[in-house]
Amino acid sequence: EGQLLTKTFKGMYFPGPGNYDLDKNG
């Protein structure tokens, strides 16, 4: 399954620029 290594590696999703409360503690 070497083709897996050619895929774009990704991380978290964000809808765009802005302020983010990652743990919802205010």
mmCIF file of all heavy atoms, coordinates in Angstrom:
data_MODEL
# 
_entry.id   MODEL 
# 
loop_
_atom_site.group_PDB 
_atom_site.id 
_atom_site.type_symbol 
_atom_site.label_atom_id 
_atom_site.label_alt_id 
_atom_site.label_comp_id 
_atom_site.label_asym_id 
_atom_site.label_entity_id 
_atom_site.label_seq_id 
_atom_site.pdbx_PDB_ins_code 
_atom_site.Cartn_x 
_atom_site.Cartn_y 
_atom_site.Cartn_z 
_atom_site.occupancy 
_atom_site.B_iso_or_equiv 
_atom_site.pdbx_formal_charge 
_atom_site.auth_seq_id 
_atom_site.auth_comp_id 
_atom_site.auth_asym_id 
_atom_site.auth_atom_id 
_atom_site.pdbx_PDB_model_num 
ATOM 1   N N   . GLU A 1 1  ? 0.824   -1.208 0.000  1.00 0.00 ? 1  GLU A N   1 
ATOM 2   C CA  . GLU A 1 1  ? 0.000   0.000  0.000  1.00 0.00 ? 1  GLU A CA  1 
ATOM 3   C C   . GLU A 1 1  ? 0.860   1.260  0.000  1.00 0.00 ? 1  GLU A C   1 
ATOM 4   O O   . GLU A 1 1  ? 0.558   2.245  0.663  1.00 0.00 ? 1  GLU A O   1 
ATOM 5   C CB  . GLU A 1 1  ? -0.935  -0.015 1.213  1.00 0.00 ? 1  GLU A CB  1 
ATOM 6   C CG  . GLU A 1 1  ? -1.945  -1.138 1.221  1.00 0.00 ? 1  GLU A CG  1 
ATOM 7   C CD  . GLU A 1 1  ? -3.032  -1.016 0.144  1.00 0.00 ? 1  GLU A CD  1 
ATOM 8   O OE1 . GLU A 1 1  ? -3.044  -0.007 -0.599 1.00 0.00 ? 1  GLU A OE1 1 
ATOM 9   O OE2 . GLU A 1 1  ? -3.865  -1.942 0.033  1.00 0.00 ? 1  GLU A OE2 1 
ATOM 10  N N   . GLY A 1 2  ? 1.932   1.242  -0.803 1.00 0.00 ? 2  GLY A N   1 
ATOM 11  C CA  . GLY A 1 2  ? 2.800   2.410  -0.888 1.00 0.00 ? 2  GLY A CA  1 
ATOM 12  C C   . GLY A 1 2  ? 2.092   3.664  -1.347 1.00 0.00 ? 2  GLY A C   1 
ATOM 13  O O   . GLY A 1 2  ? 2.531   4.782  -1.061 1.00 0.00 ? 2  GLY A O   1 
ATOM 14  N N   . GLN A 1 3  ? 0.980   3.498  -2.045 1.00 0.00 ? 3  GLN A N   1 
ATOM 15  C CA  . GLN A 1 3  ? 0.220   4.661  -2.514 1.00 0.00 ? 3  GLN A CA  1 
ATOM 16  C C   . GLN A 1 3  ? -0.247  5.545  -1.350 1.00 0.00 ? 3  GLN A C   1 
ATOM 17  O O   . GLN A 1 3  ? -0.487  6.748  -1.539 1.00 0.00 ? 3  GLN A O   1 
ATOM 18  C CB  . GLN A 1 3  ? -0.977  4.203  -3.357 1.00 0.00 ? 3  GLN A CB  1 
ATOM 19  C CG  . GLN A 1 3  ? -1.846  3.104  -2.760 1.00 0.00 ? 3  GLN A CG  1 
ATOM 20  C CD  . GLN A 1 3  ? -2.876  3.574  -1.762 1.00 0.00 ? 3  GLN A CD  1 
ATOM 21  O OE1 . GLN A 1 3  ? -3.284  4.734  -1.810 1.00 0.00 ? 3  GLN A OE1 1 
ATOM 22  N NE2 . GLN A 1 3  ? -3.318  2.695  -0.889 1.00 0.00 ? 3  GLN A NE2 1 
ATOM 23  N N   . LEU A 1 4  ? -0.370  4.973  -0.141 1.00 0.00 ? 4  LEU A N   1 
ATOM 24  C CA  . LEU A 1 4  ? -0.770  5.785  1.009  1.00 0.00 ? 4  LEU A CA  1 
ATOM 25  C C   . LEU A 1 4  ? 0.225   6.901  1.301  1.00 0.00 ? 4  LEU A C   1 
ATOM 26  O O   . LEU A 1 4  ? -0.146  7.954  1.830  1.00 0.00 ? 4  LEU A O   1 
ATOM 27  C CB  . LEU A 1 4  ? -0.914  4.895  2.247  1.00 0.00 ? 4  LEU A CB  1 
ATOM 28  C CG  . LEU A 1 4  ? -2.134  3.973  2.302  1.00 0.00 ? 4  LEU A CG  1 
ATOM 29  C CD1 . LEU A 1 4  ? -1.989  2.960  3.429  1.00 0.00 ? 4  LEU A CD1 1 
ATOM 30  C CD2 . LEU A 1 4  ? -3.405  4.785  2.466  1.00 0.00 ? 4  LEU A CD2 1 
ATOM 31  N N   . LEU A 1 5  ? 1.479   6.676  0.952  1.00 0.00 ? 5  LEU A N   1 
ATOM 32  C CA  . LEU A 1 5  ? 2.518   7.653  1.250  1.00 0.00 ? 5  LEU A CA  1 
ATOM 33  C C   . LEU A 1 5  ? 2.483   8.846  0.309  1.00 0.00 ? 5  LEU A C   1 
ATOM 34  O O   . LEU A 1 5  ? 3.132   9.860  0.564  1.00 0.00 ? 5  LEU A O   1 
ATOM 35  C CB  . LEU A 1 5  ? 3.893   6.984  1.197  1.00 0.00 ? 5  LEU A CB  1 
ATOM 36  C CG  . LEU A 1 5  ? 4.059   5.764  2.099  1.00 0.00 ? 5  LEU A CG  1 
ATOM 37  C CD1 . LEU A 1 5  ? 5.453   5.167  1.941  1.00 0.00 ? 5  LEU A CD1 1 
ATOM 38  C CD2 . LEU A 1 5  ? 3.801   6.124  3.559  1.00 0.00 ? 5  LEU A CD2 1 
ATOM 39  N N   . THR A 1 6  ? 1.731   8.744  -0.776 1.00 0.00 ? 6  THR A N   1 
ATOM 40  C CA  . THR A 1 6  ? 1.654   9.846  -1.734 1.00 0.00 ? 6  THR A CA  1 
ATOM 41  C C   . THR A 1 6  ? 0.511   10.809 -1.418 1.00 0.00 ? 6  THR A C   1 
ATOM 42  O O   . THR A 1 6  ? 0.398   11.857 -2.056 1.00 0.00 ? 6  THR A O   1 
ATOM 43  C CB  . THR A 1 6  ? 1.462   9.306  -3.167 1.00 0.00 ? 6  THR A CB  1 
ATOM 44  O OG1 . THR A 1 6  ? 0.150   8.710  -3.284 1.00 0.00 ? 6  THR A OG1 1 
ATOM 45  C CG2 . THR A 1 6  ? 2.520   8.275  -3.506 1.00 0.00 ? 6  THR A CG2 1 
ATOM 46  N N   . LYS A 1 7  ? -0.327  10.460 -0.454 1.00 0.00 ? 7  LYS A N   1 
ATOM 47  C CA  . LYS A 1 7  ? -1.474  11.306 -0.138 1.00 0.00 ? 7  LYS A CA  1 
ATOM 48  C C   . LYS A 1 7  ? -1.029  12.542 0.642  1.00 0.00 ? 7  LYS A C   1 
ATOM 49  O O   . LYS A 1 7  ? -0.029  12.517 1.361  1.00 0.00 ? 7  LYS A O   1 
ATOM 50  C CB  . LYS A 1 7  ? -2.504  10.532 0.698  1.00 0.00 ? 7  LYS A CB  1 
ATOM 51  C CG  . LYS A 1 7  ? -2.915  9.185  0.108  1.00 0.00 ? 7  LYS A CG  1 
ATOM 52  C CD  . LYS A 1 7  ? -3.540  9.323  -1.265 1.00 0.00 ? 7  LYS A CD  1 
ATOM 53  C CE  . LYS A 1 7  ? -4.002  7.966  -1.789 1.00 0.00 ? 7  LYS A CE  1 
ATOM 54  N NZ  . LYS A 1 7  ? -4.513  8.041  -3.183 1.00 0.00 ? 7  LYS A NZ  1 
ATOM 55  N N   . THR A 1 8  ? -1.788  13.627 0.504  1.00 0.00 ? 8  THR A N   1 
ATOM 56  C CA  . THR A 1 8  ? -1.503  14.838 1.268  1.00 0.00 ? 8  THR A CA  1 
ATOM 57  C C   . THR A 1 8  ? -1.767  14.589 2.747  1.00 0.00 ? 8  THR A C   1 
ATOM 58  O O   . THR A 1 8  ? -2.820  14.093 3.125  1.00 0.00 ? 8  THR A O   1 
ATOM 59  C CB  . THR A 1 8  ? -2.388  16.004 0.790  1.00 0.00 ? 8  THR A CB  1 
ATOM 60  O OG1 . THR A 1 8  ? -2.138  16.238 -0.594 1.00 0.00 ? 8  THR A OG1 1 
ATOM 61  C CG2 . THR A 1 8  ? -2.099  17.274 1.578  1.00 0.00 ? 8  THR A CG2 1 
ATOM 62  N N   . PHE A 1 9  ? -0.787  14.918 3.587  1.00 0.00 ? 9  PHE A N   1 
ATOM 63  C CA  . PHE A 1 9  ? -0.954  14.764 5.023  1.00 0.00 ? 9  PHE A CA  1 
ATOM 64  C C   . PHE A 1 9  ? -1.690  15.980 5.571  1.00 0.00 ? 9  PHE A C   1 
ATOM 65  O O   . PHE A 1 9  ? -1.390  17.120 5.216  1.00 0.00 ? 9  PHE A O   1 
ATOM 66  C CB  . PHE A 1 9  ? 0.401   14.605 5.709  1.00 0.00 ? 9  PHE A CB  1 
ATOM 67  C CG  . PHE A 1 9  ? 1.114   13.331 5.347  1.00 0.00 ? 9  PHE A CG  1 
ATOM 68  C CD1 . PHE A 1 9  ? 2.499   13.246 5.461  1.00 0.00 ? 9  PHE A CD1 1 
ATOM 69  C CD2 . PHE A 1 9  ? 0.419   12.220 4.916  1.00 0.00 ? 9  PHE A CD2 1 
ATOM 70  C CE1 . PHE A 1 9  ? 3.168   12.089 5.141  1.00 0.00 ? 9  PHE A CE1 1 
ATOM 71  C CE2 . PHE A 1 9  ? 1.082   11.040 4.593  1.00 0.00 ? 9  PHE A CE2 1 
ATOM 72  C CZ  . PHE A 1 9  ? 2.463   10.977 4.706  1.00 0.00 ? 9  PHE A CZ  1 
ATOM 73  N N   . LYS A 1 10 ? -2.633  15.716 6.486  1.00 0.00 ? 10 LYS A N   1 
ATOM 74  C CA  . LYS A 1 10 ? -3.493  16.785 6.973  1.00 0.00 ? 10 LYS A CA  1 
ATOM 75  C C   . LYS A 1 10 ? -3.593  16.765 8.488  1.00 0.00 ? 10 LYS A C   1 
ATOM 76  O O   . LYS A 1 10 ? -3.250  15.789 9.148  1.00 0.00 ? 10 LYS A O   1 
ATOM 77  C CB  . LYS A 1 10 ? -4.897  16.655 6.363  1.00 0.00 ? 10 LYS A CB  1 
ATOM 78  C CG  . LYS A 1 10 ? -4.921  16.744 4.847  1.00 0.00 ? 10 LYS A CG  1 
ATOM 79  C CD  . LYS A 1 10 ? -6.337  16.551 4.300  1.00 0.00 ? 10 LYS A CD  1 
ATOM 80  C CE  . LYS A 1 10 ? -6.349  16.561 2.777  1.00 0.00 ? 10 LYS A CE  1 
ATOM 81  N NZ  . LYS A 1 10 ? -7.717  16.356 2.239  1.00 0.00 ? 10 LYS A NZ  1 
ATOM 82  N N   . GLY A 1 11 ? -4.123  17.877 9.025  1.00 0.00 ? 11 GLY A N   1 
ATOM 83  C CA  . GLY A 1 11 ? -4.342  17.997 10.459 1.00 0.00 ? 11 GLY A CA  1 
ATOM 84  C C   . GLY A 1 11 ? -5.751  18.475 10.755 1.00 0.00 ? 11 GLY A C   1 
ATOM 85  O O   . GLY A 1 11 ? -6.698  18.185 10.008 1.00 0.00 ? 11 GLY A O   1 
ATOM 86  N N   . MET A 1 12 ? -5.905  19.225 11.849 1.00 0.00 ? 12 MET A N   1 
ATOM 87  C CA  . MET A 1 12 ? -7.212  19.697 12.302 1.00 0.00 ? 12 MET A CA  1 
ATOM 88  C C   . MET A 1 12 ? -7.951  20.500 11.234 1.00 0.00 ? 12 MET A C   1 
ATOM 89  O O   . MET A 1 12 ? -7.333  21.098 10.348 1.00 0.00 ? 12 MET A O   1 
ATOM 90  C CB  . MET A 1 12 ? -7.055  20.586 13.537 1.00 0.00 ? 12 MET A CB  1 
ATOM 91  C CG  . MET A 1 12 ? -6.710  19.885 14.809 1.00 0.00 ? 12 MET A CG  1 
ATOM 92  S SD  . MET A 1 12 ? -6.643  21.124 16.153 1.00 0.00 ? 12 MET A SD  1 
ATOM 93  C CE  . MET A 1 12 ? -6.091  20.095 17.507 1.00 0.00 ? 12 MET A CE  1 
ATOM 94  N N   . TYR A 1 13 ? -9.263  20.534 11.365 1.00 0.00 ? 13 TYR A N   1 
ATOM 95  C CA  . TYR A 1 13 ? -10.116 21.341 10.487 1.00 0.00 ? 13 TYR A CA  1 
ATOM 96  C C   . TYR A 1 13 ? -10.423 22.680 11.152 1.00 0.00 ? 13 TYR A C   1 
ATOM 97  O O   . TYR A 1 13 ? -10.775 22.725 12.332 1.00 0.00 ? 13 TYR A O   1 
ATOM 98  C CB  . TYR A 1 13 ? -11.424 20.618 10.184 1.00 0.00 ? 13 TYR A CB  1 
ATOM 99  C CG  . TYR A 1 13 ? -12.394 21.472 9.388  1.00 0.00 ? 13 TYR A CG  1 
ATOM 100 C CD1 . TYR A 1 13 ? -12.332 21.519 7.996  1.00 0.00 ? 13 TYR A CD1 1 
ATOM 101 C CD2 . TYR A 1 13 ? -13.347 22.254 10.042 1.00 0.00 ? 13 TYR A CD2 1 
ATOM 102 C CE1 . TYR A 1 13 ? -13.198 22.332 7.272  1.00 0.00 ? 13 TYR A CE1 1 
ATOM 103 C CE2 . TYR A 1 13 ? -14.214 23.065 9.327  1.00 0.00 ? 13 TYR A CE2 1 
ATOM 104 C CZ  . TYR A 1 13 ? -14.136 23.098 7.934  1.00 0.00 ? 13 TYR A CZ  1 
ATOM 105 O OH  . TYR A 1 13 ? -14.986 23.908 7.213  1.00 0.00 ? 13 TYR A OH  1 
ATOM 106 N N   . PHE A 1 14 ? -10.288 23.754 10.390 1.00 0.00 ? 14 PHE A N   1 
ATOM 107 C CA  . PHE A 1 14 ? -10.703 25.089 10.808 1.00 0.00 ? 14 PHE A CA  1 
ATOM 108 C C   . PHE A 1 14 ? -11.498 25.726 9.672  1.00 0.00 ? 14 PHE A C   1 
ATOM 109 O O   . PHE A 1 14 ? -11.083 25.635 8.504  1.00 0.00 ? 14 PHE A O   1 
ATOM 110 C CB  . PHE A 1 14 ? -9.497  25.970 11.145 1.00 0.00 ? 14 PHE A CB  1 
ATOM 111 C CG  . PHE A 1 14 ? -8.710  25.504 12.335 1.00 0.00 ? 14 PHE A CG  1 
ATOM 112 C CD1 . PHE A 1 14 ? -7.547  24.760 12.170 1.00 0.00 ? 14 PHE A CD1 1 
ATOM 113 C CD2 . PHE A 1 14 ? -9.127  25.801 13.613 1.00 0.00 ? 14 PHE A CD2 1 
ATOM 114 C CE1 . PHE A 1 14 ? -6.830  24.318 13.262 1.00 0.00 ? 14 PHE A CE1 1 
ATOM 115 C CE2 . PHE A 1 14 ? -8.410  25.366 14.724 1.00 0.00 ? 14 PHE A CE2 1 
ATOM 116 C CZ  . PHE A 1 14 ? -7.257  24.620 14.545 1.00 0.00 ? 14 PHE A CZ  1 
ATOM 117 N N   . PRO A 1 15 ? -12.614 26.378 9.969  1.00 0.00 ? 15 PRO A N   1 
ATOM 118 C CA  . PRO A 1 15 ? -13.420 26.982 8.898  1.00 0.00 ? 15 PRO A CA  1 
ATOM 119 C C   . PRO A 1 15 ? -12.809 28.239 8.294  1.00 0.00 ? 15 PRO A C   1 
ATOM 120 O O   . PRO A 1 15 ? -13.335 28.766 7.307  1.00 0.00 ? 15 PRO A O   1 
ATOM 121 C CB  . PRO A 1 15 ? -14.748 27.300 9.599  1.00 0.00 ? 15 PRO A CB  1 
ATOM 122 C CG  . PRO A 1 15 ? -14.416 27.414 11.048 1.00 0.00 ? 15 PRO A CG  1 
ATOM 123 C CD  . PRO A 1 15 ? -13.288 26.444 11.277 1.00 0.00 ? 15 PRO A CD  1 
ATOM 124 N N   . GLY A 1 16 ? -11.712 28.724 8.841  1.00 0.00 ? 16 GLY A N   1 
ATOM 125 C CA  . GLY A 1 16 ? -11.047 29.903 8.298  1.00 0.00 ? 16 GLY A CA  1 
ATOM 126 C C   . GLY A 1 16 ? -10.368 30.675 9.401  1.00 0.00 ? 16 GLY A C   1 
ATOM 127 O O   . GLY A 1 16 ? -10.250 30.202 10.548 1.00 0.00 ? 16 GLY A O   1 
ATOM 128 N N   . PRO A 1 17 ? -9.897  31.907 9.113  1.00 0.00 ? 17 PRO A N   1 
ATOM 129 C CA  . PRO A 1 17 ? -9.306  32.739 10.162 1.00 0.00 ? 17 PRO A CA  1 
ATOM 130 C C   . PRO A 1 17 ? -10.321 33.003 11.275 1.00 0.00 ? 17 PRO A C   1 
ATOM 131 O O   . PRO A 1 17 ? -11.525 33.036 11.039 1.00 0.00 ? 17 PRO A O   1 
ATOM 132 C CB  . PRO A 1 17 ? -8.941  34.032 9.431  1.00 0.00 ? 17 PRO A CB  1 
ATOM 133 C CG  . PRO A 1 17 ? -8.901  33.665 7.981  1.00 0.00 ? 17 PRO A CG  1 
ATOM 134 C CD  . PRO A 1 17 ? -9.915  32.574 7.807  1.00 0.00 ? 17 PRO A CD  1 
ATOM 135 N N   . GLY A 1 18 ? -9.821  33.163 12.493 1.00 0.00 ? 18 GLY A N   1 
ATOM 136 C CA  . GLY A 1 18 ? -10.729 33.438 13.604 1.00 0.00 ? 18 GLY A CA  1 
ATOM 137 C C   . GLY A 1 18 ? -10.131 33.055 14.935 1.00 0.00 ? 18 GLY A C   1 
ATOM 138 O O   . GLY A 1 18 ? -8.983  32.606 15.027 1.00 0.00 ? 18 GLY A O   1 
ATOM 139 N N   . ASN A 1 19 ? -10.930 33.223 15.981 1.00 0.00 ? 19 ASN A N   1 
ATOM 140 C CA  . ASN A 1 19 ? -10.541 32.880 17.344 1.00 0.00 ? 19 ASN A CA  1 
ATOM 141 C C   . ASN A 1 19 ? -11.132 31.521 17.712 1.00 0.00 ? 19 ASN A C   1 
ATOM 142 O O   . ASN A 1 19 ? -12.327 31.282 17.487 1.00 0.00 ? 19 ASN A O   1 
ATOM 143 C CB  . ASN A 1 19 ? -11.043 33.930 18.324 1.00 0.00 ? 19 ASN A CB  1 
ATOM 144 C CG  . ASN A 1 19 ? -10.454 35.307 18.058 1.00 0.00 ? 19 ASN A CG  1 
ATOM 145 O OD1 . ASN A 1 19 ? -9.485  35.437 17.321 1.00 0.00 ? 19 ASN A OD1 1 
ATOM 146 N ND2 . ASN A 1 19 ? -11.037 36.337 18.654 1.00 0.00 ? 19 ASN A ND2 1 
ATOM 147 N N   . TYR A 1 20 ? -10.327 30.649 18.308 1.00 0.00 ? 20 TYR A N   1 
ATOM 148 C CA  . TYR A 1 20 ? -10.768 29.272 18.575 1.00 0.00 ? 20 TYR A CA  1 
ATOM 149 C C   . TYR A 1 20 ? -10.529 28.900 20.037 1.00 0.00 ? 20 TYR A C   1 
ATOM 150 O O   . TYR A 1 20 ? -9.408  28.980 20.548 1.00 0.00 ? 20 TYR A O   1 
ATOM 151 C CB  . TYR A 1 20 ? -10.047 28.294 17.655 1.00 0.00 ? 20 TYR A CB  1 
ATOM 152 C CG  . TYR A 1 20 ? -10.433 28.496 16.208 1.00 0.00 ? 20 TYR A CG  1 
ATOM 153 C CD1 . TYR A 1 20 ? -9.654  29.283 15.359 1.00 0.00 ? 20 TYR A CD1 1 
ATOM 154 C CD2 . TYR A 1 20 ? -11.601 27.933 15.707 1.00 0.00 ? 20 TYR A CD2 1 
ATOM 155 C CE1 . TYR A 1 20 ? -10.035 29.485 14.034 1.00 0.00 ? 20 TYR A CE1 1 
ATOM 156 C CE2 . TYR A 1 20 ? -11.985 28.133 14.383 1.00 0.00 ? 20 TYR A CE2 1 
ATOM 157 C CZ  . TYR A 1 20 ? -11.198 28.908 13.559 1.00 0.00 ? 20 TYR A CZ  1 
ATOM 158 O OH  . TYR A 1 20 ? -11.588 29.113 12.248 1.00 0.00 ? 20 TYR A OH  1 
ATOM 159 N N   . ASP A 1 21 ? -11.622 28.497 20.688 1.00 0.00 ? 21 ASP A N   1 
ATOM 160 C CA  . ASP A 1 21 ? -11.586 27.947 22.035 1.00 0.00 ? 21 ASP A CA  1 
ATOM 161 C C   . ASP A 1 21 ? -11.576 26.425 21.878 1.00 0.00 ? 21 ASP A C   1 
ATOM 162 O O   . ASP A 1 21 ? -12.624 25.791 21.757 1.00 0.00 ? 21 ASP A O   1 
ATOM 163 C CB  . ASP A 1 21 ? -12.816 28.420 22.820 1.00 0.00 ? 21 ASP A CB  1 
ATOM 164 C CG  . ASP A 1 21 ? -12.889 27.842 24.226 1.00 0.00 ? 21 ASP A CG  1 
ATOM 165 O OD1 . ASP A 1 21 ? -11.952 27.109 24.621 1.00 0.00 ? 21 ASP A OD1 1 
ATOM 166 O OD2 . ASP A 1 21 ? -13.898 28.098 24.922 1.00 0.00 ? 21 ASP A OD2 1 
ATOM 167 N N   . LEU A 1 22 ? -10.412 25.845 21.872 1.00 0.00 ? 22 LEU A N   1 
ATOM 168 C CA  . LEU A 1 22 ? -10.267 24.439 21.504 1.00 0.00 ? 22 LEU A CA  1 
ATOM 169 C C   . LEU A 1 22 ? -10.901 23.491 22.513 1.00 0.00 ? 22 LEU A C   1 
ATOM 170 O O   . LEU A 1 22 ? -11.369 22.414 22.137 1.00 0.00 ? 22 LEU A O   1 
ATOM 171 C CB  . LEU A 1 22 ? -8.787  24.102 21.325 1.00 0.00 ? 22 LEU A CB  1 
ATOM 172 C CG  . LEU A 1 22 ? -8.064  24.834 20.187 1.00 0.00 ? 22 LEU A CG  1 
ATOM 173 C CD1 . LEU A 1 22 ? -6.576  24.511 20.205 1.00 0.00 ? 22 LEU A CD1 1 
ATOM 174 C CD2 . LEU A 1 22 ? -8.669  24.494 18.837 1.00 0.00 ? 22 LEU A CD2 1 
ATOM 175 N N   . ASP A 1 23 ? -10.896 23.854 23.780 1.00 0.00 ? 23 ASP A N   1 
ATOM 176 C CA  . ASP A 1 23 ? -11.440 22.949 24.796 1.00 0.00 ? 23 ASP A CA  1 
ATOM 177 C C   . ASP A 1 23 ? -12.760 23.439 25.384 1.00 0.00 ? 23 ASP A C   1 
ATOM 178 O O   . ASP A 1 23 ? -13.262 22.866 26.363 1.00 0.00 ? 23 ASP A O   1 
ATOM 179 C CB  . ASP A 1 23 ? -10.428 22.696 25.911 1.00 0.00 ? 23 ASP A CB  1 
ATOM 180 C CG  . ASP A 1 23 ? -9.909  23.982 26.551 1.00 0.00 ? 23 ASP A CG  1 
ATOM 181 O OD1 . ASP A 1 23 ? -10.399 25.072 26.177 1.00 0.00 ? 23 ASP A OD1 1 
ATOM 182 O OD2 . ASP A 1 23 ? -9.021  23.888 27.417 1.00 0.00 ? 23 ASP A OD2 1 
ATOM 183 N N   . LYS A 1 24 ? -13.331 24.517 24.801 1.00 0.00 ? 24 LYS A N   1 
ATOM 184 C CA  . LYS A 1 24 ? -14.653 25.026 25.199 1.00 0.00 ? 24 LYS A CA  1 
ATOM 185 C C   . LYS A 1 24 ? -14.726 25.371 26.691 1.00 0.00 ? 24 LYS A C   1 
ATOM 186 O O   . LYS A 1 24 ? -15.715 25.095 27.363 1.00 0.00 ? 24 LYS A O   1 
ATOM 187 C CB  . LYS A 1 24 ? -15.745 24.007 24.848 1.00 0.00 ? 24 LYS A CB  1 
ATOM 188 C CG  . LYS A 1 24 ? -15.835 23.640 23.381 1.00 0.00 ? 24 LYS A CG  1 
ATOM 189 C CD  . LYS A 1 24 ? -16.143 24.829 22.505 1.00 0.00 ? 24 LYS A CD  1 
ATOM 190 C CE  . LYS A 1 24 ? -16.274 24.430 21.040 1.00 0.00 ? 24 LYS A CE  1 
ATOM 191 N NZ  . LYS A 1 24 ? -16.454 25.587 20.146 1.00 0.00 ? 24 LYS A NZ  1 
ATOM 192 N N   . ASN A 1 25 ? -13.657 26.007 27.173 1.00 0.00 ? 25 ASN A N   1 
ATOM 193 C CA  . ASN A 1 25 ? -13.666 26.435 28.572 1.00 0.00 ? 25 ASN A CA  1 
ATOM 194 C C   . ASN A 1 25 ? -13.879 27.934 28.711 1.00 0.00 ? 25 ASN A C   1 
ATOM 195 O O   . ASN A 1 25 ? -13.712 28.504 29.791 1.00 0.00 ? 25 ASN A O   1 
ATOM 196 C CB  . ASN A 1 25 ? -12.371 26.019 29.271 1.00 0.00 ? 25 ASN A CB  1 
ATOM 197 C CG  . ASN A 1 25 ? -11.154 26.767 28.736 1.00 0.00 ? 25 ASN A CG  1 
ATOM 198 O OD1 . ASN A 1 25 ? -11.229 27.469 27.718 1.00 0.00 ? 25 ASN A OD1 1 
ATOM 199 N ND2 . ASN A 1 25 ? -10.027 26.613 29.414 1.00 0.00 ? 25 ASN A ND2 1 
ATOM 200 N N   . GLY A 1 26 ? -14.234 28.592 27.597 1.00 0.00 ? 26 GLY A N   1 
ATOM 201 C CA  . GLY A 1 26 ? -14.519 30.019 27.626 1.00 0.00 ? 26 GLY A CA  1 
ATOM 202 C C   . GLY A 1 26 ? -13.324 30.909 27.361 1.00 0.00 ? 26 GLY A C   1 
ATOM 203 O O   . GLY A 1 26 ? -13.458 32.132 27.339 1.00 0.00 ? 26 GLY A O   1 
# 
